[in-house]
Amino acid sequence: MKRSFFGWLVILTLSLVWIVTLAKCGKEESALSSAPDFTLKSLDNHEITLSTFRGSVVLLDFWATWCKPCRESIPHLIHLHKTHKKDGLVVLGMNVDRGDPEPVRRFIASMEVPYPNVAVSPEVEKDYGIKSLPTTVFIDKEGRIREKIVGFNAQTAKRLTERVVELTSESSPAKVPQDLSSKDR
């Protein structure tokens, strides 16, 4: 009897965790505050400062290699980058893995990710209120956070595309800094 009760308790607990996770997937958070600036090292050892992209729409993708929805979102983000770069979209991968960056570099190379990825500090995670992965943060051309989208599925993929189109069409296309556009990353 005790074993059966314990088994049901475990199943109930796991079910609740699963339900809460699904409820967060696709959750959108709106905001209109200034995006906290940062300077971080890219995984190919270049300094990247957010404020240098003022005038462009910036999509920050907070992700980790161990996060399955994060990995599933990357082909869509690559498509957005390639399709909307000419419209002033800058995609930055914000990797939250800790420790040796080499496995992350290998993963990025295996996925042929063309946009820069930075190693995110815990402070930047906190500044952006990152609690779940993946989290996508949209920053408009004025440097304001316009939306945060948590999770990735077909619905969020559609929303990401819609938001990119909306934000990049708000005014004339911005120029992407030359160091990021070389060799089409």
Protein backbone atom coordinates (compact mmCIF):
# COMPACT_ATOMS: atom_id res chain seq x y z
CA MET A 1 0.00 0.00 0.00
CA LYS A 2 2.81 2.43 0.90
CA ARG A 3 4.61 1.65 -2.35
CA SER A 4 1.44 2.31 -4.37
CA PHE A 5 0.82 5.61 -2.58
CA PHE A 6 4.43 6.70 -3.12
CA GLY A 7 4.18 5.79 -6.82
CA TRP A 8 1.02 7.85 -7.26
CA LEU A 9 2.62 10.75 -5.39
CA VAL A 10 5.61 10.69 -7.76
CA ILE A 11 3.31 10.54 -10.81
CA LEU A 12 1.20 13.42 -9.48
CA THR A 13 4.28 15.55 -8.79
CA LEU A 14 5.75 14.91 -12.24
CA SER A 15 2.40 15.66 -13.84
CA LEU A 16 2.18 19.00 -12.06
CA VAL A 17 5.71 19.93 -13.15
CA TRP A 18 4.82 18.99 -16.74
CA ILE A 19 1.62 21.06 -16.66
CA VAL A 20 3.42 24.12 -15.27
CA THR A 21 6.12 23.77 -17.95
CA LEU A 22 3.52 23.55 -20.72
CA ALA A 23 1.66 26.53 -19.31
CA LYS A 24 4.84 28.62 -19.57
CA CYS A 25 5.61 27.52 -23.11
CA GLY A 26 4.69 30.32 -25.47
CA LYS A 27 4.01 32.74 -22.65
CA GLU A 28 4.57 36.28 -23.77
CA GLU A 29 5.62 39.09 -21.51
CA SER A 30 5.29 42.64 -22.72
CA ALA A 31 7.45 45.46 -21.50
CA LEU A 32 8.63 48.82 -22.70
CA SER A 33 11.70 49.45 -20.61
CA SER A 34 15.24 50.17 -21.72
CA ALA A 35 17.22 47.03 -22.40
CA PRO A 36 20.09 46.69 -19.93
CA ASP A 37 23.35 47.20 -21.80
CA PHE A 38 26.06 44.57 -21.66
CA THR A 39 29.46 43.79 -23.07
CA LEU A 40 30.13 40.07 -23.32
CA LYS A 41 32.66 37.84 -25.06
CA SER A 42 31.39 35.95 -28.05
CA LEU A 43 32.24 32.28 -28.29
CA ASP A 44 34.68 33.20 -31.06
CA ASN A 45 36.35 35.62 -28.61
CA HIS A 46 35.07 39.03 -29.80
CA GLU A 47 33.56 41.61 -27.49
CA ILE A 48 29.92 42.33 -28.23
CA THR A 49 28.18 45.35 -26.72
CA LEU A 50 24.42 45.57 -27.01
CA SER A 51 24.31 49.36 -27.39
CA THR A 52 26.29 49.15 -30.66
CA PHE A 53 23.15 47.72 -32.26
CA ARG A 54 21.01 50.79 -31.54
CA GLY A 55 19.01 51.42 -34.68
CA SER A 56 18.57 47.70 -35.34
CA VAL A 57 15.98 45.27 -34.06
CA VAL A 58 17.76 42.85 -31.74
CA LEU A 59 16.54 39.36 -30.95
CA LEU A 60 18.27 37.92 -27.88
CA ASP A 61 17.91 34.14 -27.68
CA PHE A 62 18.70 32.88 -24.18
CA TRP A 63 19.49 29.17 -24.59
CA ALA A 64 21.56 26.20 -23.42
CA THR A 65 22.84 23.05 -25.11
CA TRP A 66 21.03 20.83 -22.60
CA CYS A 67 17.65 22.48 -23.35
CA LYS A 68 15.74 20.50 -26.01
CA PRO A 69 13.32 23.32 -26.99
CA CYS A 70 16.34 25.63 -27.28
CA ARG A 71 18.02 23.25 -29.72
CA GLU A 72 14.75 22.88 -31.64
CA SER A 73 14.43 26.66 -32.01
CA ILE A 74 17.83 27.18 -33.60
CA PRO A 75 16.87 26.27 -37.21
CA HIS A 76 14.01 28.79 -37.01
CA LEU A 77 16.32 31.47 -35.62
CA ILE A 78 18.83 30.76 -38.40
CA HIS A 79 16.01 31.22 -40.92
CA LEU A 80 14.96 34.52 -39.30
CA HIS A 81 18.56 35.73 -39.29
CA LYS A 82 19.11 34.92 -42.96
CA THR A 83 15.73 36.22 -44.10
CA HIS A 84 15.57 39.47 -42.11
CA LYS A 85 19.20 40.52 -41.66
CA LYS A 86 18.77 42.85 -44.65
CA ASP A 87 15.82 44.44 -42.82
CA GLY A 88 17.94 45.39 -39.81
CA LEU A 89 17.49 42.30 -37.62
CA VAL A 90 20.38 41.27 -35.38
CA VAL A 91 20.12 37.85 -33.75
CA LEU A 92 22.35 37.23 -30.74
CA GLY A 93 22.58 33.81 -29.15
CA MET A 94 22.81 34.24 -25.37
CA ASN A 95 24.26 30.94 -24.15
CA VAL A 96 23.82 30.23 -20.44
CA ASP A 97 25.89 27.01 -20.26
CA ARG A 98 28.55 27.20 -17.56
CA GLY A 99 32.06 25.81 -17.67
CA ASP A 100 34.14 24.87 -20.69
CA PRO A 101 32.85 26.72 -23.78
CA GLU A 102 34.32 24.17 -26.21
CA PRO A 103 31.25 21.86 -26.26
CA VAL A 104 29.08 24.91 -26.99
CA ARG A 105 31.39 25.95 -29.84
CA ARG A 106 31.21 22.43 -31.30
CA PHE A 107 27.41 22.45 -31.03
CA ILE A 108 27.17 25.83 -32.76
CA ALA A 109 29.49 24.62 -35.52
CA SER A 110 27.47 21.41 -35.98
CA MET A 111 24.27 23.46 -36.37
CA GLU A 112 26.03 25.93 -38.70
CA VAL A 113 24.74 28.87 -36.66
CA PRO A 114 25.56 32.03 -38.68
CA TYR A 115 24.84 34.61 -35.96
CA PRO A 116 27.08 35.45 -33.00
CA ASN A 117 26.70 33.72 -29.66
CA VAL A 118 27.94 35.06 -26.35
CA ALA A 119 28.60 33.42 -23.01
CA VAL A 120 26.08 35.04 -20.67
CA SER A 121 26.99 36.04 -17.15
CA PRO A 122 24.58 35.36 -14.27
CA GLU A 123 24.23 39.14 -13.90
CA VAL A 124 22.90 39.52 -17.45
CA GLU A 125 20.49 36.62 -16.88
CA LYS A 126 19.23 38.42 -13.77
CA ASP A 127 19.05 41.81 -15.52
CA TYR A 128 16.78 40.30 -18.18
CA GLY A 129 14.71 38.27 -15.70
CA ILE A 130 15.52 34.93 -17.33
CA LYS A 131 13.79 32.15 -15.42
CA SER A 132 13.05 29.60 -18.17
CA LEU A 133 14.69 28.53 -21.41
CA PRO A 134 14.49 29.31 -24.17
CA THR A 135 13.56 32.93 -23.67
CA THR A 136 13.53 35.31 -26.61
CA VAL A 137 13.81 39.02 -25.89
CA PHE A 138 12.92 41.54 -28.61
CA ILE A 139 14.63 44.92 -28.44
CA ASP A 140 13.41 47.65 -30.76
CA LYS A 141 15.49 50.15 -32.71
CA GLU A 142 15.32 52.59 -29.80
CA GLY A 143 16.86 50.06 -27.40
CA ARG A 144 13.63 49.22 -25.56
CA ILE A 145 12.48 45.75 -24.60
CA ARG A 146 9.30 45.19 -26.57
CA GLU A 147 8.50 41.59 -25.74
CA LYS A 148 9.74 38.43 -24.05
CA ILE A 149 8.59 35.05 -25.30
CA VAL A 150 9.25 31.95 -23.19
CA GLY A 151 9.45 28.50 -24.73
CA PHE A 152 9.44 27.22 -28.28
CA ASN A 153 6.81 25.36 -30.29
CA ALA A 154 4.91 25.90 -33.55
CA GLN A 155 2.87 28.72 -32.00
CA THR A 156 5.91 30.59 -30.68
CA ALA A 157 7.77 30.09 -33.98
CA LYS A 158 4.90 31.85 -35.73
CA ARG A 159 4.89 34.63 -33.10
CA LEU A 160 8.67 35.11 -33.42
CA THR A 161 8.31 35.57 -37.18
CA GLU A 162 5.38 37.97 -36.80
CA ARG A 163 7.25 40.03 -34.22
CA VAL A 164 10.38 40.25 -36.37
CA VAL A 165 8.30 41.49 -39.32
CA GLU A 166 6.43 44.01 -37.13
CA LEU A 167 9.53 45.45 -35.49
CA THR A 168 11.75 45.59 -38.57
CA SER A 169 9.05 47.38 -40.55
CA GLU A 170 8.54 50.14 -37.95
CA SER A 171 11.04 52.37 -39.73
CA SER A 172 13.75 52.21 -42.39
CA PRO A 173 16.20 49.28 -42.22
CA ALA A 174 19.22 49.84 -40.03
CA LYS A 175 22.76 48.98 -40.95
CA VAL A 176 24.29 45.98 -39.23
CA PRO A 177 27.79 46.69 -37.86
CA GLN A 178 30.37 45.50 -40.39
CA ASP A 179 32.18 43.12 -38.02
CA LEU A 180 29.01 41.04 -37.61
CA SER A 181 28.06 40.99 -41.27
CA SER A 182 31.40 39.75 -42.53
CA LYS A 183 31.25 36.23 -43.98
CA ASP A 184 27.50 36.18 -43.11
CA ARG A 185 28.33 34.48 -39.83
